[in-house]
Amino acid sequence: MATLSQWVAGSRPRTLPTSLVPVVVGTGVAVGEGHPVWWRAALAAFVALILQVGVNYSNDYSDGVRGTDEDRVGPLRLVGSGVAKPKQVLSAALLCFLLAAVAGLVLASVTTWWLLLVGAFAILAAWFYTGGKTPYGYRALGEVSVFVFFGLVAVVGTVYVQTETLPWEAWVAAIPVGLLACALLVANNLRDIPTDRLSDKRTLAVLLGDKWTRILYSACISLPYMVVLAMSPLHPWALLALLSAPLSLPPTQKVLNGANGPHLIPVLGETGRLQIVFSVLLAIGLAI
């Protein structure tokens, strides 16, 4: 029976900011538009957070029952390590999805019905990332999903539930947020290339190979700053996000200098910190 601390570790807490930063940026856009609704922003943050936990437990379950987590470098896997039974982890994932659905239903009830479809697609995407007979996370589509749901859907959705509009700033601001979320996944999959190949897990990193995956990571880190520069003529305060640039150097240097295996674990933490600081600064700039 897993302990509480093991359940917390299995939820992969270091990944959770990835779910919250889009809500922060989306709320920054809403403030800039003059129509923030704070309780809706808080509920959107809950949906994003609990859905992320559900994704993590779902991946833990699906990878665990397939045996792809038996020899893995990185955080604790509940099923793969044997500290929790597969049914327990599956139940935890389904409970998280249910809570996200209920909170999303509340937001849809005060805005528009089609948010229910968006929420349903998000939950299905969360499950089929590693679940089902042909998980798309094993078919090099993980980065696409992350960009769409942790970038476009999360940022634009947060803006919509507060303002009930879809301003261009929401779409553009979603691009750097999605790219930095992709950078986290790319670094994670770069670390796992050897074990993923053995388990026939065909991530984008496996298909691209070591060299091009490192280049992809660097692109995901650098392109957000170009987007900010493109926004600056109409939103000069968005340039505040450039203050985060020094935080991008250590992880990029490690990746380009050939760090692998356990040496890539610090890169995940550094990328996560960059994502948080960049997004908070961008949110402040867009709010101003």
Protein backbone atom coordinates (compact mmCIF):
# COMPACT_ATOMS: atom_id res chain seq x y z
CA MET A 1 0.00 0.00 0.00
CA ALA A 2 1.51 3.31 -1.09
CA THR A 3 2.05 5.96 1.55
CA LEU A 4 0.72 9.50 1.27
CA SER A 5 4.19 10.79 0.40
CA GLN A 6 4.45 8.18 -2.37
CA TRP A 7 1.07 9.21 -3.78
CA VAL A 8 2.26 12.82 -3.77
CA ALA A 9 5.51 11.82 -5.48
CA GLY A 10 3.52 9.75 -7.99
CA SER A 11 1.48 12.82 -8.90
CA ARG A 12 4.78 14.29 -10.17
CA PRO A 13 4.51 17.63 -8.37
CA ARG A 14 7.32 19.17 -10.41
CA THR A 15 5.10 18.99 -13.49
CA LEU A 16 2.16 20.78 -11.88
CA PRO A 17 3.29 24.36 -12.58
CA THR A 18 2.96 23.48 -16.27
CA SER A 19 -0.80 23.31 -15.76
CA LEU A 20 -1.03 26.58 -13.83
CA VAL A 21 1.12 28.95 -15.89
CA PRO A 22 -1.36 29.04 -18.80
CA VAL A 23 -4.06 30.14 -16.37
CA VAL A 24 -1.76 32.86 -15.05
CA VAL A 25 -1.04 34.13 -18.56
CA GLY A 26 -4.68 33.90 -19.60
CA THR A 27 -5.70 35.86 -16.51
CA GLY A 28 -3.06 38.48 -17.38
CA VAL A 29 -4.76 38.89 -20.77
CA ALA A 30 -8.17 39.14 -19.07
CA VAL A 31 -6.89 41.86 -16.74
CA GLY A 32 -5.47 43.73 -19.71
CA GLU A 33 -8.87 43.49 -21.40
CA GLY A 34 -10.43 44.96 -18.25
CA HIS A 35 -12.67 41.97 -17.51
CA PRO A 36 -11.05 39.63 -14.95
CA VAL A 37 -13.42 37.38 -13.04
CA TRP A 38 -11.35 36.00 -10.21
CA TRP A 39 -13.54 33.12 -9.08
CA ARG A 40 -13.67 31.84 -12.65
CA ALA A 41 -9.89 32.16 -12.89
CA ALA A 42 -9.54 30.17 -9.67
CA LEU A 43 -11.89 27.47 -10.94
CA ALA A 44 -9.99 27.31 -14.24
CA ALA A 45 -6.78 26.85 -12.23
CA PHE A 46 -8.39 23.99 -10.31
CA VAL A 47 -9.50 22.31 -13.54
CA ALA A 48 -6.01 22.62 -15.01
CA LEU A 49 -4.29 21.38 -11.87
CA ILE A 50 -6.52 18.39 -11.14
CA LEU A 51 -6.49 17.42 -14.82
CA GLN A 52 -2.68 17.43 -14.77
CA VAL A 53 -2.65 15.18 -11.71
CA GLY A 54 -5.10 12.89 -13.50
CA VAL A 55 -2.85 12.81 -16.56
CA ASN A 56 0.13 11.86 -14.41
CA TYR A 57 -1.71 9.05 -12.64
CA SER A 58 -3.17 7.87 -15.95
CA ASN A 59 0.29 7.73 -17.53
CA ASP A 60 1.62 5.95 -14.45
CA TYR A 61 -1.11 3.33 -14.76
CA SER A 62 -0.87 2.82 -18.53
CA ASP A 63 2.93 2.70 -18.65
CA GLY A 64 3.01 0.52 -15.57
CA VAL A 65 0.69 -2.19 -16.87
CA ARG A 66 2.63 -2.22 -20.16
CA GLY A 67 5.91 -2.62 -18.32
CA THR A 68 7.52 0.46 -19.88
CA ASP A 69 8.30 1.96 -16.45
CA GLU A 70 10.18 -1.01 -15.01
CA ASP A 71 13.65 0.37 -15.83
CA ARG A 72 13.30 4.11 -15.78
CA VAL A 73 15.42 7.09 -14.71
CA GLY A 74 13.43 9.79 -12.96
CA PRO A 75 10.62 10.33 -10.43
CA LEU A 76 8.75 7.52 -8.66
CA ARG A 77 6.27 5.52 -10.71
CA LEU A 78 3.61 3.97 -8.50
CA VAL A 79 2.71 0.97 -10.65
CA GLY A 80 6.14 0.42 -12.18
CA SER A 81 7.83 0.38 -8.77
CA GLY A 82 5.14 -1.89 -7.28
CA VAL A 83 4.24 0.44 -4.39
CA ALA A 84 0.60 0.70 -5.57
CA LYS A 85 -1.74 -1.65 -7.39
CA PRO A 86 -2.75 -0.71 -10.94
CA LYS A 87 -6.45 -0.51 -10.02
CA GLN A 88 -5.68 1.98 -7.24
CA VAL A 89 -3.76 4.27 -9.58
CA LEU A 90 -6.45 3.96 -12.25
CA SER A 91 -9.11 4.89 -9.68
CA ALA A 92 -7.08 7.94 -8.64
CA ALA A 93 -6.79 9.04 -12.28
CA LEU A 94 -10.53 8.61 -12.92
CA LEU A 95 -11.39 10.52 -9.74
CA CYS A 96 -9.23 13.44 -10.90
CA PHE A 97 -10.91 13.42 -14.32
CA LEU A 98 -14.33 13.41 -12.64
CA LEU A 99 -13.46 16.39 -10.44
CA ALA A 100 -12.13 18.27 -13.49
CA ALA A 101 -15.36 17.49 -15.36
CA VAL A 102 -17.55 18.78 -12.53
CA ALA A 103 -15.58 22.02 -12.22
CA GLY A 104 -15.61 22.42 -15.99
CA LEU A 105 -19.38 21.94 -16.00
CA VAL A 106 -19.72 24.88 -13.62
CA LEU A 107 -17.65 27.09 -15.92
CA ALA A 108 -19.66 25.97 -18.94
CA SER A 109 -22.93 26.72 -17.14
CA VAL A 110 -21.99 30.38 -16.73
CA THR A 111 -20.44 30.84 -20.18
CA THR A 112 -21.29 28.56 -23.11
CA TRP A 113 -22.14 24.92 -23.77
CA TRP A 114 -19.30 24.26 -26.22
CA LEU A 115 -16.82 24.40 -23.34
CA LEU A 116 -18.17 20.96 -22.45
CA LEU A 117 -16.81 19.66 -25.75
CA VAL A 118 -13.42 21.25 -25.08
CA GLY A 119 -13.35 19.65 -21.64
CA ALA A 120 -14.35 16.27 -23.02
CA PHE A 121 -11.58 16.41 -25.61
CA ALA A 122 -9.07 17.39 -22.92
CA ILE A 123 -10.01 14.39 -20.77
CA LEU A 124 -9.90 12.03 -23.75
CA ALA A 125 -6.51 13.43 -24.76
CA ALA A 126 -5.28 12.93 -21.20
CA TRP A 127 -6.32 9.27 -21.18
CA PHE A 128 -5.23 8.27 -24.69
CA TYR A 129 -1.80 9.89 -24.31
CA THR A 130 -0.57 6.55 -22.97
CA GLY A 131 -3.89 4.69 -22.56
CA GLY A 132 -5.81 2.49 -24.95
CA LYS A 133 -4.52 0.11 -27.61
CA THR A 134 -2.77 2.78 -29.71
CA PRO A 135 -1.68 5.61 -27.40
CA TYR A 136 -0.69 8.67 -29.40
CA GLY A 137 2.08 9.48 -26.91
CA TYR A 138 3.84 6.41 -28.33
CA ARG A 139 3.38 7.72 -31.88
CA ALA A 140 5.36 10.97 -31.70
CA LEU A 141 2.29 13.16 -31.09
CA GLY A 142 2.97 14.06 -27.47
CA GLU A 143 4.46 17.46 -28.24
CA VAL A 144 1.52 18.37 -30.48
CA SER A 145 -0.91 17.51 -27.70
CA VAL A 146 1.06 19.46 -25.10
CA PHE A 147 1.21 22.54 -27.33
CA VAL A 148 -2.51 22.40 -28.03
CA PHE A 149 -3.79 21.68 -24.52
CA PHE A 150 -1.15 23.36 -22.33
CA GLY A 151 -0.83 26.28 -24.69
CA LEU A 152 -3.76 27.14 -26.93
CA VAL A 153 -6.64 25.52 -25.05
CA ALA A 154 -5.50 26.46 -21.55
CA VAL A 155 -4.59 30.10 -22.24
CA VAL A 156 -7.42 30.92 -24.63
CA GLY A 157 -9.90 28.99 -22.48
CA THR A 158 -8.88 30.91 -19.37
CA VAL A 159 -9.38 34.20 -21.19
CA TYR A 160 -12.76 33.13 -22.55
CA VAL A 161 -14.29 31.98 -19.26
CA GLN A 162 -13.50 35.43 -17.81
CA THR A 163 -14.13 37.80 -20.72
CA GLU A 164 -16.35 35.64 -22.99
CA THR A 165 -14.27 36.95 -25.89
CA LEU A 166 -11.37 35.57 -27.92
CA PRO A 167 -8.89 38.46 -28.34
CA TRP A 168 -5.84 38.00 -30.54
CA GLU A 169 -3.57 38.52 -27.52
CA ALA A 170 -4.85 35.26 -26.05
CA TRP A 171 -3.88 33.26 -29.14
CA VAL A 172 -0.45 34.84 -29.48
CA ALA A 173 0.36 34.57 -25.76
CA ALA A 174 -0.56 30.89 -25.90
CA ILE A 175 2.28 30.18 -28.34
CA PRO A 176 5.24 30.76 -25.97
CA VAL A 177 3.39 29.07 -23.12
CA GLY A 178 2.82 25.98 -25.27
CA LEU A 179 6.42 25.96 -26.51
CA LEU A 180 7.87 26.04 -22.99
CA ALA A 181 5.54 23.22 -21.97
CA CYS A 182 6.85 21.28 -25.00
CA ALA A 183 10.41 21.97 -23.88
CA LEU A 184 9.70 20.10 -20.65
CA LEU A 185 8.37 17.08 -22.54
CA VAL A 186 11.26 17.16 -25.03
CA ALA A 187 13.82 17.18 -22.20
CA ASN A 188 11.99 14.32 -20.48
CA ASN A 189 11.82 12.25 -23.67
CA LEU A 190 15.45 13.03 -24.52
CA ARG A 191 16.42 11.47 -21.20
CA ASP A 192 14.28 8.41 -21.89
CA ILE A 193 15.39 7.68 -25.49
CA PRO A 194 17.37 4.51 -24.59
CA THR A 195 14.60 2.91 -22.50
CA ASP A 196 11.81 4.07 -24.83
CA ARG A 197 13.54 2.43 -27.78
CA LEU A 198 13.76 -0.85 -25.90
CA SER A 199 10.05 -0.74 -25.00
CA ASP A 200 9.00 0.29 -28.54
CA LYS A 201 7.77 3.65 -27.27
CA ARG A 202 8.13 5.79 -30.40
CA THR A 203 8.21 9.30 -28.99
CA LEU A 204 9.22 12.22 -31.17
CA ALA A 205 12.63 12.10 -29.48
CA VAL A 206 13.08 8.47 -30.50
CA LEU A 207 12.16 9.29 -34.12
CA LEU A 208 14.34 12.40 -34.32
CA GLY A 209 17.31 10.89 -32.53
CA ASP A 210 19.58 12.45 -29.94
CA LYS A 211 21.06 15.30 -32.00
CA TRP A 212 17.84 16.68 -33.46
CA THR A 213 15.97 16.31 -30.18
CA ARG A 214 18.54 18.59 -28.56
CA ILE A 215 18.05 21.11 -31.36
CA LEU A 216 14.26 20.87 -30.91
CA TYR A 217 14.65 21.60 -27.19
CA SER A 218 16.72 24.70 -27.97
CA ALA A 219 14.07 25.89 -30.42
CA CYS A 220 11.30 25.46 -27.85
CA ILE A 221 13.32 27.58 -25.43
CA SER A 222 14.31 30.37 -27.84
CA LEU A 223 11.16 30.84 -29.94
CA PRO A 224 9.03 32.19 -27.03
CA TYR A 225 11.32 35.24 -26.86
CA MET A 226 10.81 35.88 -30.57
CA VAL A 227 7.05 35.81 -30.04
CA VAL A 228 7.38 38.36 -27.25
CA LEU A 229 9.43 40.62 -29.52
CA ALA A 230 6.74 40.30 -32.20
CA MET A 231 4.07 41.35 -29.68
CA SER A 232 6.03 44.31 -28.34
CA PRO A 233 4.94 46.99 -30.89
CA LEU A 234 1.36 46.70 -29.61
CA HIS A 235 2.17 45.44 -26.10
CA PRO A 236 5.54 46.91 -25.10
CA TRP A 237 5.18 45.74 -21.49
CA ALA A 238 5.25 42.15 -22.76
CA LEU A 239 9.01 42.71 -23.04
CA LEU A 240 9.16 42.11 -19.29
CA ALA A 241 9.30 38.42 -20.20
CA LEU A 242 12.78 38.99 -21.63
CA LEU A 243 14.05 39.37 -18.05
CA SER A 244 13.74 35.59 -17.75
CA ALA A 245 16.28 35.02 -20.54
CA PRO A 246 19.26 34.36 -18.20
CA LEU A 247 17.33 31.39 -16.77
CA SER A 248 17.21 29.83 -20.24
CA LEU A 249 20.99 29.54 -20.55
CA PRO A 250 21.89 26.79 -17.99
CA PRO A 251 19.41 24.15 -19.23
CA THR A 252 20.10 24.93 -22.89
CA GLN A 253 23.85 24.64 -22.34
CA LYS A 254 23.44 21.30 -20.58
CA VAL A 255 21.29 19.92 -23.39
CA LEU A 256 23.55 21.18 -26.19
CA ASN A 257 26.66 19.97 -24.37
CA GLY A 258 25.37 16.41 -24.38
CA ALA A 259 23.91 15.84 -20.91
CA ASN A 260 22.08 12.52 -20.76
CA GLY A 261 20.41 10.10 -18.36
CA PRO A 262 20.34 11.35 -14.76
CA HIS A 263 22.25 14.47 -15.81
CA LEU A 264 19.12 15.66 -17.60
CA ILE A 265 17.01 15.60 -14.44
CA PRO A 266 18.27 19.08 -13.35
CA VAL A 267 17.33 20.33 -16.82
CA LEU A 268 13.69 19.52 -16.08
CA GLY A 269 13.78 21.60 -12.90
CA GLU A 270 15.55 24.49 -14.62
CA THR A 271 13.12 24.41 -17.53
CA GLY A 272 10.20 24.42 -15.12
CA ARG A 273 11.58 27.45 -13.29
CA LEU A 274 12.12 29.25 -16.59
CA GLN A 275 8.55 28.47 -17.61
CA ILE A 276 7.16 29.91 -14.36
CA VAL A 277 9.23 33.12 -14.40
CA PHE A 278 8.68 33.75 -18.12
CA SER A 279 4.92 33.22 -17.82
CA VAL A 280 4.48 35.37 -14.71
CA LEU A 281 6.44 38.22 -16.29
CA LEU A 282 4.46 37.89 -19.52
CA ALA A 283 1.19 37.89 -17.58
CA ILE A 284 2.20 41.06 -15.74
CA GLY A 285 3.18 42.73 -19.00
CA LEU A 286 -0.10 41.83 -20.68
CA ALA A 287 -2.08 42.94 -17.64
CA ILE A 288 -0.40 46.35 -17.74
